[in-house]
Amino acid sequence: MHRGMALLPVGLRSLLPALRNDRFGVTAIEYALIAAFISILIVAAITLVGTSVSTFFATVGNAM
């Protein structure tokens, strides 16, 4: 047993090795990171398109 494990309550001592061997949590974190990255890309794309459209309409409005 690791020296730090002796300081933990009994319930946590049995839970920590189970979490270390659990692969579902890792998969969920990977999917969350992918979703976060895609959402950042979407926000960046919408911001760029919105700026271009705003500039276009400002140019058209000033030409009239």
C-alpha atoms as a PDB file:
ATOM      1  CA  MET A   1       0.000   0.000   0.000  1.00  0.00           C
ATOM      2  CA  HIS A   2       1.261   3.460  -0.863  1.00  0.00           C
ATOM      3  CA  ARG A   3       2.231   5.542   2.170  1.00  0.00           C
ATOM      4  CA  GLY A   4      -0.351   8.255   1.368  1.00  0.00           C
ATOM      5  CA  MET A   5      -3.145   5.687   1.042  1.00  0.00           C
ATOM      6  CA  ALA A   6      -2.972   4.942   4.775  1.00  0.00           C
ATOM      7  CA  LEU A   7      -4.206   8.477   5.492  1.00  0.00           C
ATOM      8  CA  LEU A   8      -7.395   8.022   3.448  1.00  0.00           C
ATOM      9  CA  PRO A   9     -10.672   6.657   4.816  1.00  0.00           C
ATOM     10  CA  VAL A  10     -11.363   2.987   4.075  1.00  0.00           C
ATOM     11  CA  GLY A  11     -14.007   3.769   1.418  1.00  0.00           C
ATOM     12  CA  LEU A  12     -11.618   5.913  -0.574  1.00  0.00           C
ATOM     13  CA  ARG A  13      -8.869   3.298  -0.355  1.00  0.00           C
ATOM     14  CA  SER A  14     -11.024   0.859  -2.288  1.00  0.00           C
ATOM     15  CA  LEU A  15     -12.417   3.492  -4.648  1.00  0.00           C
ATOM     16  CA  LEU A  16      -9.118   4.939  -5.901  1.00  0.00           C
ATOM     17  CA  PRO A  17      -7.724   1.708  -7.441  1.00  0.00           C
ATOM     18  CA  ALA A  18     -11.100   1.095  -9.088  1.00  0.00           C
ATOM     19  CA  LEU A  19     -11.037   4.577 -10.633  1.00  0.00           C
ATOM     20  CA  ARG A  20      -7.479   4.080 -11.834  1.00  0.00           C
ATOM     21  CA  ASN A  21      -8.525   0.943 -13.746  1.00  0.00           C
ATOM     22  CA  ASP A  22     -11.768   2.455 -15.091  1.00  0.00           C
ATOM     23  CA  ARG A  23     -11.483   3.455 -18.757  1.00  0.00           C
ATOM     24  CA  PHE A  24     -14.952   4.979 -19.149  1.00  0.00           C
ATOM     25  CA  GLY A  25     -13.916   8.168 -17.372  1.00  0.00           C
ATOM     26  CA  VAL A  26     -10.974   8.616 -19.722  1.00  0.00           C
ATOM     27  CA  THR A  27     -13.242   8.218 -22.736  1.00  0.00           C
ATOM     28  CA  ALA A  28     -15.707  10.749 -21.347  1.00  0.00           C
ATOM     29  CA  ILE A  29     -12.912  13.257 -20.781  1.00  0.00           C
ATOM     30  CA  GLU A  30     -11.633  12.739 -24.330  1.00  0.00           C
ATOM     31  CA  TYR A  31     -15.109  13.321 -25.767  1.00  0.00           C
ATOM     32  CA  ALA A  32     -15.528  16.420 -23.602  1.00  0.00           C
ATOM     33  CA  LEU A  33     -12.214  17.827 -24.860  1.00  0.00           C
ATOM     34  CA  ILE A  34     -13.175  17.131 -28.473  1.00  0.00           C
ATOM     35  CA  ALA A  35     -16.569  18.804 -27.970  1.00  0.00           C
ATOM     36  CA  ALA A  36     -14.918  21.817 -26.324  1.00  0.00           C
ATOM     37  CA  PHE A  37     -12.433  22.148 -29.196  1.00  0.00           C
ATOM     38  CA  ILE A  38     -15.198  21.914 -31.814  1.00  0.00           C
ATOM     39  CA  SER A  39     -17.302  24.506 -29.976  1.00  0.00           C
ATOM     40  CA  ILE A  40     -14.305  26.885 -29.839  1.00  0.00           C
ATOM     41  CA  LEU A  41     -13.838  26.438 -33.588  1.00  0.00           C
ATOM     42  CA  ILE A  42     -17.532  27.116 -34.217  1.00  0.00           C
ATOM     43  CA  VAL A  43     -17.487  30.276 -32.105  1.00  0.00           C
ATOM     44  CA  ALA A  44     -14.338  31.495 -33.887  1.00  0.00           C
ATOM     45  CA  ALA A  45     -15.839  30.807 -37.320  1.00  0.00           C
ATOM     46  CA  ILE A  46     -19.101  32.562 -36.468  1.00  0.00           C
ATOM     47  CA  THR A  47     -17.171  35.536 -35.111  1.00  0.00           C
ATOM     48  CA  LEU A  48     -15.132  35.822 -38.307  1.00  0.00           C
ATOM     49  CA  VAL A  49     -18.184  35.462 -40.543  1.00  0.00           C
ATOM     50  CA  GLY A  50     -20.150  37.903 -38.410  1.00  0.00           C
ATOM     51  CA  THR A  51     -17.395  40.486 -38.660  1.00  0.00           C
ATOM     52  CA  SER A  52     -17.218  40.063 -42.443  1.00  0.00           C
ATOM     53  CA  VAL A  53     -20.984  40.353 -42.841  1.00  0.00           C
ATOM     54  CA  SER A  54     -21.085  43.394 -40.572  1.00  0.00           C
ATOM     55  CA  THR A  55     -18.342  45.076 -42.581  1.00  0.00           C
ATOM     56  CA  PHE A  56     -20.131  44.233 -45.830  1.00  0.00           C
ATOM     57  CA  PHE A  57     -23.430  45.740 -44.682  1.00  0.00           C
ATOM     58  CA  ALA A  58     -21.654  48.804 -43.290  1.00  0.00           C
ATOM     59  CA  THR A  59     -19.997  49.329 -46.676  1.00  0.00           C
ATOM     60  CA  VAL A  60     -23.298  48.903 -48.503  1.00  0.00           C
ATOM     61  CA  GLY A  61     -25.050  51.230 -46.065  1.00  0.00           C
ATOM     62  CA  ASN A  62     -22.402  53.931 -46.438  1.00  0.00           C
ATOM     63  CA  ALA A  63     -22.508  53.691 -50.260  1.00  0.00           C
ATOM     64  CA  MET A  64     -26.173  54.663 -50.372  1.00  0.00           C
END
